[in-house]
């Protein structure tokens, strides 16, 4: 095809074409893709050639043992994944509504948000729509925005980690995310009014993994305090692992206050006073720019904003 237009795309593009592209991108193998789609390999190969001919460019490279996507092909595959995710959500919503339910809502949140504001907001929206089915994913902001781009989430609660992300996502601030340094109540440092940085570095730490936005901010905090990152560390994204390690061993962690507030109230954890600090950053509601938001998602956003005002 010499020129690709919206009308020409509508005339020939079908969901089965997008399923082929997504399956082949995932398997990178013609035989496996044909098997998963219950097609013969020649039939799948013919369909792929038709798609590439109609688009006017190659989507996949033909290598001896794999079929990686071309530069343009990656854009086509990303589009296919978005459309298929939307189609899946459409089917789920319609089936839920047909059975008398209130539809689906898929939410993502960073760890601080899933500790308090998201659960409290879910309780409130379930009062209005008791049969609303809600999926909650806990991830870093970067992963949440990837999932928003793929249309696997309706909205997310996180923060920008790069300036360019504001081009693609709208942001409504909810609250700052203060961090604190915590130990269990039996830790030797728990009885001290103030702990020096030298004392802190003598103990093992539980930290977020290298490369995550929070870890990068922590490294800045250590550098600003003129101390090196602790060598004796356990690196994890799991909240359960954080809490289990803190409660079961004399370890130190820097965590969002919202994540540990209940454990501090119960006397299981203790917040240390020290010179090491992490600047609080606002987290908020992230949505895709230029796309309509469902009534249910908008209602949930309004509840999130009210909940943040209470906190």
C-alpha atoms as a PDB file:
ATOM      1  CA  UNK A   1       0.000   0.000   0.000  1.00  0.00           C
ATOM      2  CA  UNK A   2       1.477   3.313  -1.050  1.00  0.00           C
ATOM      3  CA  UNK A   3      -0.508   5.484   1.366  1.00  0.00           C
ATOM      4  CA  UNK A   4      -2.128   4.412   4.629  1.00  0.00           C
ATOM      5  CA  UNK A   5      -5.327   6.228   5.583  1.00  0.00           C
ATOM      6  CA  UNK A   6      -7.864   5.889   8.369  1.00  0.00           C
ATOM      7  CA  UNK A   7     -10.618   4.846   5.961  1.00  0.00           C
ATOM      8  CA  UNK A   8      -8.466   2.215   4.259  1.00  0.00           C
ATOM      9  CA  UNK A   9      -7.438   0.822   7.644  1.00  0.00           C
ATOM     10  CA  UNK A  10     -11.097   0.469   8.672  1.00  0.00           C
ATOM     11  CA  UNK A  11     -11.878  -1.371   5.433  1.00  0.00           C
ATOM     12  CA  UNK A  12      -9.525  -4.271   5.965  1.00  0.00           C
ATOM     13  CA  UNK A  13      -8.163  -4.369   9.525  1.00  0.00           C
ATOM     14  CA  UNK A  14      -9.722  -7.049  11.744  1.00  0.00           C
ATOM     15  CA  UNK A  15      -9.182  -8.148  15.347  1.00  0.00           C
ATOM     16  CA  UNK A  16      -7.706 -11.433  14.156  1.00  0.00           C
ATOM     17  CA  UNK A  17      -4.936  -9.421  12.456  1.00  0.00           C
ATOM     18  CA  UNK A  18      -4.120  -7.761  15.785  1.00  0.00           C
ATOM     19  CA  UNK A  19      -4.226 -11.105  17.584  1.00  0.00           C
ATOM     20  CA  UNK A  20      -1.695 -12.435  15.071  1.00  0.00           C
ATOM     21  CA  UNK A  21       0.641  -9.479  15.646  1.00  0.00           C
ATOM     22  CA  UNK A  22       0.409  -9.703  19.446  1.00  0.00           C
ATOM     23  CA  UNK A  23       0.902 -13.472  19.460  1.00  0.00           C
ATOM     24  CA  UNK A  24       3.853 -13.367  17.091  1.00  0.00           C
ATOM     25  CA  UNK A  25       5.462 -10.528  19.059  1.00  0.00           C
ATOM     26  CA  UNK A  26       5.065 -12.525  22.260  1.00  0.00           C
ATOM     27  CA  UNK A  27       6.346 -15.835  20.889  1.00  0.00           C
ATOM     28  CA  UNK A  28       8.797 -14.528  18.268  1.00  0.00           C
ATOM     29  CA  UNK A  29       8.167 -17.829  16.517  1.00  0.00           C
ATOM     30  CA  UNK A  30       5.898 -18.554  13.539  1.00  0.00           C
ATOM     31  CA  UNK A  31       5.249 -22.171  14.547  1.00  0.00           C
ATOM     32  CA  UNK A  32       4.286 -21.320  18.152  1.00  0.00           C
ATOM     33  CA  UNK A  33       2.114 -18.419  17.038  1.00  0.00           C
ATOM     34  CA  UNK A  34       0.260 -20.618  14.545  1.00  0.00           C
ATOM     35  CA  UNK A  35      -0.208 -23.284  17.212  1.00  0.00           C
ATOM     36  CA  UNK A  36      -1.622 -20.821  19.759  1.00  0.00           C
ATOM     37  CA  UNK A  37      -4.006 -19.359  17.167  1.00  0.00           C
ATOM     38  CA  UNK A  38      -5.106 -22.794  15.922  1.00  0.00           C
ATOM     39  CA  UNK A  39      -3.946 -21.965  12.411  1.00  0.00           C
ATOM     40  CA  UNK A  40      -1.608 -23.706  10.022  1.00  0.00           C
ATOM     41  CA  UNK A  41       1.781 -22.082   9.668  1.00  0.00           C
ATOM     42  CA  UNK A  42       1.249 -21.356   5.936  1.00  0.00           C
ATOM     43  CA  UNK A  43      -2.092 -19.665   6.733  1.00  0.00           C
ATOM     44  CA  UNK A  44      -0.497 -17.504   9.438  1.00  0.00           C
ATOM     45  CA  UNK A  45       2.423 -16.628   7.162  1.00  0.00           C
ATOM     46  CA  UNK A  46       0.010 -15.616   4.403  1.00  0.00           C
ATOM     47  CA  UNK A  47      -2.006 -13.421   6.785  1.00  0.00           C
ATOM     48  CA  UNK A  48       1.158 -11.704   8.023  1.00  0.00           C
ATOM     49  CA  UNK A  49       2.295 -10.970   4.459  1.00  0.00           C
ATOM     50  CA  UNK A  50      -1.128  -9.488   3.707  1.00  0.00           C
ATOM     51  CA  UNK A  51      -0.920  -7.188   6.725  1.00  0.00           C
ATOM     52  CA  UNK A  52       2.593  -6.059   5.829  1.00  0.00           C
ATOM     53  CA  UNK A  53       1.564  -5.521   2.204  1.00  0.00           C
ATOM     54  CA  UNK A  54      -1.440  -3.429   3.205  1.00  0.00           C
ATOM     55  CA  UNK A  55       0.595  -1.362   5.654  1.00  0.00           C
ATOM     56  CA  UNK A  56       3.434  -0.975   3.187  1.00  0.00           C
ATOM     57  CA  UNK A  57       6.303  -2.061   5.443  1.00  0.00           C
ATOM     58  CA  UNK A  58       7.776  -5.081   7.202  1.00  0.00           C
ATOM     59  CA  UNK A  59       6.582  -5.621  10.779  1.00  0.00           C
ATOM     60  CA  UNK A  60       8.869  -8.510  11.738  1.00  0.00           C
ATOM     61  CA  UNK A  61      12.395  -9.361  10.694  1.00  0.00           C
ATOM     62  CA  UNK A  62      12.869 -12.914   9.415  1.00  0.00           C
ATOM     63  CA  UNK A  63      15.873 -14.338  11.270  1.00  0.00           C
ATOM     64  CA  UNK A  64      16.839 -18.024  11.481  1.00  0.00           C
ATOM     65  CA  UNK A  65      15.697 -18.490  15.085  1.00  0.00           C
ATOM     66  CA  UNK A  66      13.550 -15.479  15.906  1.00  0.00           C
ATOM     67  CA  UNK A  67      11.346 -12.779  14.468  1.00  0.00           C
ATOM     68  CA  UNK A  68      12.045  -9.493  16.254  1.00  0.00           C
ATOM     69  CA  UNK A  69       9.861  -6.506  15.454  1.00  0.00           C
ATOM     70  CA  UNK A  70      11.187  -3.764  13.204  1.00  0.00           C
ATOM     71  CA  UNK A  71      11.221  -0.148  14.401  1.00  0.00           C
ATOM     72  CA  UNK A  72       7.871   0.562  12.703  1.00  0.00           C
ATOM     73  CA  UNK A  73       6.640  -2.878  13.687  1.00  0.00           C
ATOM     74  CA  UNK A  74       7.008  -2.025  17.385  1.00  0.00           C
ATOM     75  CA  UNK A  75       4.537   0.827  16.960  1.00  0.00           C
ATOM     76  CA  UNK A  76       2.071  -1.474  15.187  1.00  0.00           C
ATOM     77  CA  UNK A  77       2.403  -4.109  17.931  1.00  0.00           C
ATOM     78  CA  UNK A  78       1.901  -1.518  20.679  1.00  0.00           C
ATOM     79  CA  UNK A  79      -1.293  -0.429  18.914  1.00  0.00           C
ATOM     80  CA  UNK A  80      -2.450  -4.041  18.610  1.00  0.00           C
ATOM     81  CA  UNK A  81      -1.878  -4.632  22.332  1.00  0.00           C
ATOM     82  CA  UNK A  82      -3.842  -1.486  23.267  1.00  0.00           C
ATOM     83  CA  UNK A  83      -6.804  -2.403  21.062  1.00  0.00           C
ATOM     84  CA  UNK A  84      -6.880  -6.009  22.284  1.00  0.00           C
ATOM     85  CA  UNK A  85      -6.718  -4.907  25.921  1.00  0.00           C
ATOM     86  CA  UNK A  86      -9.590  -2.496  25.304  1.00  0.00           C
ATOM     87  CA  UNK A  87     -11.568  -5.275  23.588  1.00  0.00           C
ATOM     88  CA  UNK A  88     -10.952  -7.591  26.533  1.00  0.00           C
ATOM     89  CA  UNK A  89     -12.145  -4.924  28.986  1.00  0.00           C
ATOM     90  CA  UNK A  90     -15.195  -4.286  26.797  1.00  0.00           C
ATOM     91  CA  UNK A  91     -16.189  -7.960  26.871  1.00  0.00           C
ATOM     92  CA  UNK A  92     -15.643  -8.164  30.645  1.00  0.00           C
ATOM     93  CA  UNK A  93     -17.697  -5.022  31.261  1.00  0.00           C
ATOM     94  CA  UNK A  94     -20.580  -6.103  29.028  1.00  0.00           C
ATOM     95  CA  UNK A  95     -20.696  -9.592  30.524  1.00  0.00           C
ATOM     96  CA  UNK A  96     -20.614  -8.193  34.074  1.00  0.00           C
ATOM     97  CA  UNK A  97     -23.399  -5.703  33.254  1.00  0.00           C
ATOM     98  CA  UNK A  98     -25.444  -8.422  31.527  1.00  0.00           C
ATOM     99  CA  UNK A  99     -25.302 -10.503  34.708  1.00  0.00           C
ATOM    100  CA  UNK A 100     -26.473  -7.574  36.814  1.00  0.00           C
ATOM    101  CA  UNK A 101     -23.086  -6.316  37.929  1.00  0.00           C
ATOM    102  CA  UNK A 102     -21.677  -2.797  37.827  1.00  0.00           C
ATOM    103  CA  UNK A 103     -18.712  -3.359  35.528  1.00  0.00           C
ATOM    104  CA  UNK A 104     -14.957  -3.426  36.075  1.00  0.00           C
ATOM    105  CA  UNK A 105     -12.420  -0.931  37.362  1.00  0.00           C
ATOM    106  CA  UNK A 106      -8.700  -1.590  37.063  1.00  0.00           C
ATOM    107  CA  UNK A 107      -6.495   0.519  39.334  1.00  0.00           C
ATOM    108  CA  UNK A 108      -2.747   0.692  39.821  1.00  0.00           C
ATOM    109  CA  UNK A 109      -0.936   2.270  42.735  1.00  0.00           C
ATOM    110  CA  UNK A 110       2.477   2.840  44.230  1.00  0.00           C
ATOM    111  CA  UNK A 111       3.072   1.297  47.644  1.00  0.00           C
ATOM    112  CA  UNK A 112       2.201   4.421  49.635  1.00  0.00           C
ATOM    113  CA  UNK A 113      -1.137   4.730  47.816  1.00  0.00           C
ATOM    114  CA  UNK A 114      -2.152   1.079  48.243  1.00  0.00           C
ATOM    115  CA  UNK A 115      -1.513   1.355  51.985  1.00  0.00           C
ATOM    116  CA  UNK A 116      -4.322   3.804  52.795  1.00  0.00           C
ATOM    117  CA  UNK A 117      -5.861   6.077  50.157  1.00  0.00           C
ATOM    118  CA  UNK A 118      -6.729   3.414  47.556  1.00  0.00           C
ATOM    119  CA  UNK A 119      -8.248   0.879  50.028  1.00  0.00           C
ATOM    120  CA  UNK A 120     -10.310   3.614  51.716  1.00  0.00           C
ATOM    121  CA  UNK A 121     -11.516   4.858  48.327  1.00  0.00           C
ATOM    122  CA  UNK A 122     -12.476   1.325  47.278  1.00  0.00           C
ATOM    123  CA  UNK A 123     -14.588   0.974  50.425  1.00  0.00           C
ATOM    124  CA  UNK A 124     -16.404   4.195  49.525  1.00  0.00           C
ATOM    125  CA  UNK A 125     -17.084   3.364  45.873  1.00  0.00           C
ATOM    126  CA  UNK A 126     -18.321  -0.114  46.807  1.00  0.00           C
ATOM    127  CA  UNK A 127     -21.031   1.591  48.869  1.00  0.00           C
ATOM    128  CA  UNK A 128     -22.314   3.165  45.638  1.00  0.00           C
ATOM    129  CA  UNK A 129     -21.676   0.188  43.361  1.00  0.00           C
ATOM    130  CA  UNK A 130     -21.519  -2.974  45.504  1.00  0.00           C
ATOM    131  CA  UNK A 131     -21.282  -5.249  42.465  1.00  0.00           C
ATOM    132  CA  UNK A 132     -18.417  -3.305  40.896  1.00  0.00           C
ATOM    133  CA  UNK A 133     -15.476  -5.644  40.260  1.00  0.00           C
ATOM    134  CA  UNK A 134     -12.151  -3.962  41.082  1.00  0.00           C
ATOM    135  CA  UNK A 135      -8.621  -5.098  40.260  1.00  0.00           C
ATOM    136  CA  UNK A 136      -5.734  -3.447  42.119  1.00  0.00           C
ATOM    137  CA  UNK A 137      -2.107  -3.657  40.983  1.00  0.00           C
ATOM    138  CA  UNK A 138       0.770  -2.509  43.181  1.00  0.00           C
ATOM    139  CA  UNK A 139       3.829  -1.373  41.222  1.00  0.00           C
ATOM    140  CA  UNK A 140       6.373   1.397  40.739  1.00  0.00           C
ATOM    141  CA  UNK A 141       5.277   4.562  38.916  1.00  0.00           C
ATOM    142  CA  UNK A 142       7.246   3.637  35.780  1.00  0.00           C
ATOM    143  CA  UNK A 143       5.520   0.268  35.504  1.00  0.00           C
ATOM    144  CA  UNK A 144       2.127   1.796  36.217  1.00  0.00           C
ATOM    145  CA  UNK A 145       2.541   4.248  33.352  1.00  0.00           C
ATOM    146  CA  UNK A 146       3.566   1.404  31.052  1.00  0.00           C
ATOM    147  CA  UNK A 147       0.357  -0.391  32.019  1.00  0.00           C
ATOM    148  CA  UNK A 148      -1.658   2.783  31.396  1.00  0.00           C
ATOM    149  CA  UNK A 149      -0.107   3.038  27.937  1.00  0.00           C
ATOM    150  CA  UNK A 150      -1.043  -0.585  27.251  1.00  0.00           C
ATOM    151  CA  UNK A 151      -4.627   0.088  28.431  1.00  0.00           C
ATOM    152  CA  UNK A 152      -4.408  -2.580  31.121  1.00  0.00           C
ATOM    153  CA  UNK A 153      -5.312   0.042  33.763  1.00  0.00           C
ATOM    154  CA  UNK A 154      -8.116   2.601  33.869  1.00  0.00           C
ATOM    155  CA  UNK A 155      -6.111   4.894  36.134  1.00  0.00           C
ATOM    156  CA  UNK A 156      -3.123   4.826  38.438  1.00  0.00           C
ATOM    157  CA  UNK A 157      -1.919   6.561  41.578  1.00  0.00           C
ATOM    158  CA  UNK A 158       1.769   7.386  41.327  1.00  0.00           C
ATOM    159  CA  UNK A 159       4.123  10.163  40.284  1.00  0.00           C
ATOM    160  CA  UNK A 160       6.130  11.329  37.307  1.00  0.00           C
ATOM    161  CA  UNK A 161       9.695  10.029  37.290  1.00  0.00           C
ATOM    162  CA  UNK A 162      10.681  11.768  34.031  1.00  0.00           C
ATOM    163  CA  UNK A 163       9.674  15.175  32.670  1.00  0.00           C
ATOM    164  CA  UNK A 164       8.615  13.694  29.306  1.00  0.00           C
ATOM    165  CA  UNK A 165       5.903  11.581  30.952  1.00  0.00           C
ATOM    166  CA  UNK A 166       3.746  14.678  31.387  1.00  0.00           C
ATOM    167  CA  UNK A 167       3.287  14.722  27.587  1.00  0.00           C
ATOM    168  CA  UNK A 168       1.313  11.499  27.722  1.00  0.00           C
ATOM    169  CA  UNK A 169      -0.343  11.450  31.138  1.00  0.00           C
ATOM    170  CA  UNK A 170      -2.489  13.884  33.116  1.00  0.00           C
ATOM    171  CA  UNK A 171      -1.631  14.290  36.808  1.00  0.00           C
ATOM    172  CA  UNK A 172      -3.779  15.424  39.743  1.00  0.00           C
ATOM    173  CA  UNK A 173      -1.836  15.705  42.995  1.00  0.00           C
ATOM    174  CA  UNK A 174      -3.226  13.892  46.026  1.00  0.00           C
ATOM    175  CA  UNK A 175      -0.658  14.234  48.799  1.00  0.00           C
ATOM    176  CA  UNK A 176       3.066  14.328  49.572  1.00  0.00           C
ATOM    177  CA  UNK A 177       4.766  11.031  50.375  1.00  0.00           C
ATOM    178  CA  UNK A 178       6.998  11.519  53.431  1.00  0.00           C
ATOM    179  CA  UNK A 179       9.563   8.825  54.177  1.00  0.00           C
ATOM    180  CA  UNK A 180      10.930   7.706  57.520  1.00  0.00           C
ATOM    181  CA  UNK A 181      13.709   5.455  58.799  1.00  0.00           C
ATOM    182  CA  UNK A 182      12.353   2.557  60.823  1.00  0.00           C
ATOM    183  CA  UNK A 183      13.546  -0.366  62.929  1.00  0.00           C
ATOM    184  CA  UNK A 184      11.687  -2.889  65.055  1.00  0.00           C
ATOM    185  CA  UNK A 185      10.968  -1.991  68.679  1.00  0.00           C
ATOM    186  CA  UNK A 186      13.711  -4.348  69.968  1.00  0.00           C
ATOM    187  CA  UNK A 187      16.463  -2.824  67.825  1.00  0.00           C
ATOM    188  CA  UNK A 188      19.250  -1.185  69.901  1.00  0.00           C
ATOM    189  CA  UNK A 189      18.703   2.091  68.017  1.00  0.00           C
ATOM    190  CA  UNK A 190      15.020   2.184  68.991  1.00  0.00           C
ATOM    191  CA  UNK A 191      15.861   3.376  72.515  1.00  0.00           C
ATOM    192  CA  UNK A 192      17.995   6.295  71.339  1.00  0.00           C
ATOM    193  CA  UNK A 193      16.681   9.834  70.938  1.00  0.00           C
ATOM    194  CA  UNK A 194      18.988  10.379  67.963  1.00  0.00           C
ATOM    195  CA  UNK A 195      21.042   8.024  65.772  1.00  0.00           C
ATOM    196  CA  UNK A 196      24.136   9.235  63.948  1.00  0.00           C
ATOM    197  CA  UNK A 197      24.760   8.209  60.360  1.00  0.00           C
ATOM    198  CA  UNK A 198      27.780   6.202  61.479  1.00  0.00           C
ATOM    199  CA  UNK A 199      25.570   4.134  63.791  1.00  0.00           C
ATOM    200  CA  UNK A 200      23.013   3.522  61.066  1.00  0.00           C
ATOM    201  CA  UNK A 201      25.615   2.189  58.652  1.00  0.00           C
ATOM    202  CA  UNK A 202      26.727  -0.437  61.167  1.00  0.00           C
ATOM    203  CA  UNK A 203      23.451  -2.302  60.685  1.00  0.00           C
ATOM    204  CA  UNK A 204      21.992  -4.227  57.728  1.00  0.00           C
ATOM    205  CA  UNK A 205      19.424  -2.406  55.590  1.00  0.00           C
ATOM    206  CA  UNK A 206      16.395  -3.367  53.524  1.00  0.00           C
ATOM    207  CA  UNK A 207      16.297  -1.170  50.406  1.00  0.00           C
ATOM    208  CA  UNK A 208      14.407  -0.845  47.152  1.00  0.00           C
ATOM    209  CA  UNK A 209      16.231  -2.439  44.173  1.00  0.00           C
ATOM    210  CA  UNK A 210      18.769  -0.499  42.133  1.00  0.00           C
ATOM    211  CA  UNK A 211      17.282   1.334  39.169  1.00  0.00           C
ATOM    212  CA  UNK A 212      13.912   2.025  40.790  1.00  0.00           C
ATOM    213  CA  UNK A 213      12.921   5.698  41.180  1.00  0.00           C
ATOM    214  CA  UNK A 214      12.739   5.438  44.986  1.00  0.00           C
ATOM    215  CA  UNK A 215      16.185   3.829  45.173  1.00  0.00           C
ATOM    216  CA  UNK A 216      17.619   6.638  43.040  1.00  0.00           C
ATOM    217  CA  UNK A 217      16.130   9.217  45.400  1.00  0.00           C
ATOM    218  CA  UNK A 218      17.567   7.324  48.361  1.00  0.00           C
ATOM    219  CA  UNK A 219      21.016   7.315  46.785  1.00  0.00           C
ATOM    220  CA  UNK A 220      20.732  11.094  46.416  1.00  0.00           C
ATOM    221  CA  UNK A 221      19.828  11.348  50.117  1.00  0.00           C
ATOM    222  CA  UNK A 222      22.876   9.294  51.140  1.00  0.00           C
ATOM    223  CA  UNK A 223      25.134  11.363  48.888  1.00  0.00           C
ATOM    224  CA  UNK A 224      23.733  14.598  50.317  1.00  0.00           C
ATOM    225  CA  UNK A 225      24.551  13.315  53.803  1.00  0.00           C
ATOM    226  CA  UNK A 226      28.105  12.509  52.617  1.00  0.00           C
ATOM    227  CA  UNK A 227      27.798   8.791  53.354  1.00  0.00           C
ATOM    228  CA  UNK A 228      27.945   5.773  51.090  1.00  0.00           C
ATOM    229  CA  UNK A 229      25.077   3.411  50.413  1.00  0.00           C
ATOM    230  CA  UNK A 230      25.161   0.562  52.997  1.00  0.00           C
ATOM    231  CA  UNK A 231      26.960  -2.540  51.773  1.00  0.00           C
ATOM    232  CA  UNK A 232      24.999  -4.988  53.927  1.00  0.00           C
ATOM    233  CA  UNK A 233      21.604  -4.838  52.197  1.00  0.00           C
ATOM    234  CA  UNK A 234      18.601  -6.853  51.113  1.00  0.00           C
ATOM    235  CA  UNK A 235      16.955  -5.341  48.017  1.00  0.00           C
ATOM    236  CA  UNK A 236      13.276  -5.962  47.405  1.00  0.00           C
ATOM    237  CA  UNK A 237      10.052  -4.445  46.052  1.00  0.00           C
ATOM    238  CA  UNK A 238       7.876  -6.601  48.308  1.00  0.00           C
ATOM    239  CA  UNK A 239       6.144  -4.815  51.172  1.00  0.00           C
ATOM    240  CA  UNK A 240       5.663  -8.129  52.966  1.00  0.00           C
ATOM    241  CA  UNK A 241       9.383  -8.846  52.725  1.00  0.00           C
ATOM    242  CA  UNK A 242      10.195  -5.367  54.058  1.00  0.00           C
ATOM    243  CA  UNK A 243       7.970  -5.819  57.108  1.00  0.00           C
ATOM    244  CA  UNK A 244       8.976  -9.417  57.759  1.00  0.00           C
ATOM    245  CA  UNK A 245      12.675  -8.569  57.632  1.00  0.00           C
ATOM    246  CA  UNK A 246      12.214  -5.518  59.860  1.00  0.00           C
ATOM    247  CA  UNK A 247      10.155  -7.367  62.447  1.00  0.00           C
ATOM    248  CA  UNK A 248      12.333 -10.454  62.471  1.00  0.00           C
ATOM    249  CA  UNK A 249      15.867  -9.022  62.468  1.00  0.00           C
ATOM    250  CA  UNK A 250      17.835  -5.931  63.597  1.00  0.00           C
ATOM    251  CA  UNK A 251      17.569  -4.267  60.213  1.00  0.00           C
ATOM    252  CA  UNK A 252      16.906  -0.690  59.069  1.00  0.00           C
ATOM    253  CA  UNK A 253      14.681   0.546  56.248  1.00  0.00           C
ATOM    254  CA  UNK A 254      13.618   3.856  54.723  1.00  0.00           C
ATOM    255  CA  UNK A 255       9.934   3.544  53.877  1.00  0.00           C
ATOM    256  CA  UNK A 256       6.902   5.760  53.187  1.00  0.00           C
ATOM    257  CA  UNK A 257       5.238   6.715  56.472  1.00  0.00           C
ATOM    258  CA  UNK A 258       1.865   5.519  55.151  1.00  0.00           C
ATOM    259  CA  UNK A 259       3.247   2.000  54.791  1.00  0.00           C
ATOM    260  CA  UNK A 260       4.408   1.695  58.392  1.00  0.00           C
ATOM    261  CA  UNK A 261       2.086   4.008  60.331  1.00  0.00           C
ATOM    262  CA  UNK A 262      -0.086   1.180  61.681  1.00  0.00           C
ATOM    263  CA  UNK A 263       2.924  -0.893  62.725  1.00  0.00           C
ATOM    264  CA  UNK A 264       4.366   2.164  64.480  1.00  0.00           C
ATOM    265  CA  UNK A 265       1.043   2.747  66.284  1.00  0.00           C
ATOM    266  CA  UNK A 266       0.991  -0.909  67.348  1.00  0.00           C
ATOM    267  CA  UNK A 267       4.514  -0.568  68.778  1.00  0.00           C
ATOM    268  CA  UNK A 268       6.042  -3.108  66.401  1.00  0.00           C
ATOM    269  CA  UNK A 269       8.179  -0.552  64.537  1.00  0.00           C
ATOM    270  CA  UNK A 270       9.955   2.591  65.698  1.00  0.00           C
ATOM    271  CA  UNK A 271      10.813   5.710  63.668  1.00  0.00           C
ATOM    272  CA  UNK A 272      14.382   6.892  64.153  1.00  0.00           C
ATOM    273  CA  UNK A 273      15.494  10.498  64.347  1.00  0.00           C
ATOM    274  CA  UNK A 274      18.612  11.039  62.249  1.00  0.00           C
ATOM    275  CA  UNK A 275      20.259  13.421  59.792  1.00  0.00           C
ATOM    276  CA  UNK A 276      19.363  11.186  56.849  1.00  0.00           C
ATOM    277  CA  UNK A 277      16.191  12.397  55.136  1.00  0.00           C
ATOM    278  CA  UNK A 278      14.344  12.004  51.845  1.00  0.00           C
ATOM    279  CA  UNK A 279      12.455  14.942  50.359  1.00  0.00           C
ATOM    280  CA  UNK A 280       8.738  14.249  50.163  1.00  0.00           C
ATOM    281  CA  UNK A 281       7.260  14.238  46.655  1.00  0.00           C
ATOM    282  CA  UNK A 282       3.607  14.496  45.721  1.00  0.00           C
ATOM    283  CA  UNK A 283       1.890  11.432  44.336  1.00  0.00           C
ATOM    284  CA  UNK A 284      -1.397  11.703  42.496  1.00  0.00           C
ATOM    285  CA  UNK A 285      -3.848  10.368  39.948  1.00  0.00           C
ATOM    286  CA  UNK A 286      -2.405   9.460  36.552  1.00  0.00           C
ATOM    287  CA  UNK A 287      -4.618   9.075  33.482  1.00  0.00           C
ATOM    288  CA  UNK A 288      -4.026   8.931  29.738  1.00  0.00           C
ATOM    289  CA  UNK A 289      -4.150  12.352  28.085  1.00  0.00           C
ATOM    290  CA  UNK A 290      -6.684  12.955  25.339  1.00  0.00           C
ATOM    291  CA  UNK A 291      -8.848   9.925  26.197  1.00  0.00           C
ATOM    292  CA  UNK A 292     -12.304   9.904  27.791  1.00  0.00           C
ATOM    293  CA  UNK A 293     -12.679   8.511  31.303  1.00  0.00           C
ATOM    294  CA  UNK A 294     -15.573   6.245  32.250  1.00  0.00           C
ATOM    295  CA  UNK A 295     -18.149   7.432  34.766  1.00  0.00           C
ATOM    296  CA  UNK A 296     -16.983   4.824  37.271  1.00  0.00           C
ATOM    297  CA  UNK A 297     -13.325   5.831  36.892  1.00  0.00           C
ATOM    298  CA  UNK A 298     -14.261   9.507  37.280  1.00  0.00           C
ATOM    299  CA  UNK A 299     -16.260   8.736  40.417  1.00  0.00           C
ATOM    300  CA  UNK A 300     -13.309   6.844  41.851  1.00  0.00           C
ATOM    301  CA  UNK A 301     -11.013   9.774  41.063  1.00  0.00           C
ATOM    302  CA  UNK A 302     -13.357  12.127  42.917  1.00  0.00           C
ATOM    303  CA  UNK A 303     -13.352   9.794  45.915  1.00  0.00           C
ATOM    304  CA  UNK A 304      -9.544   9.639  45.848  1.00  0.00           C
ATOM    305  CA  UNK A 305      -9.381  13.447  45.961  1.00  0.00           C
ATOM    306  CA  UNK A 306     -11.800  13.572  48.915  1.00  0.00           C
ATOM    307  CA  UNK A 307      -9.882  10.845  50.759  1.00  0.00           C
ATOM    308  CA  UNK A 308      -6.591  12.725  50.321  1.00  0.00           C
ATOM    309  CA  UNK A 309      -8.200  15.814  51.853  1.00  0.00           C
ATOM    310  CA  UNK A 310      -9.206  13.779  54.923  1.00  0.00           C
ATOM    311  CA  UNK A 311      -5.679  12.451  55.366  1.00  0.00           C
END
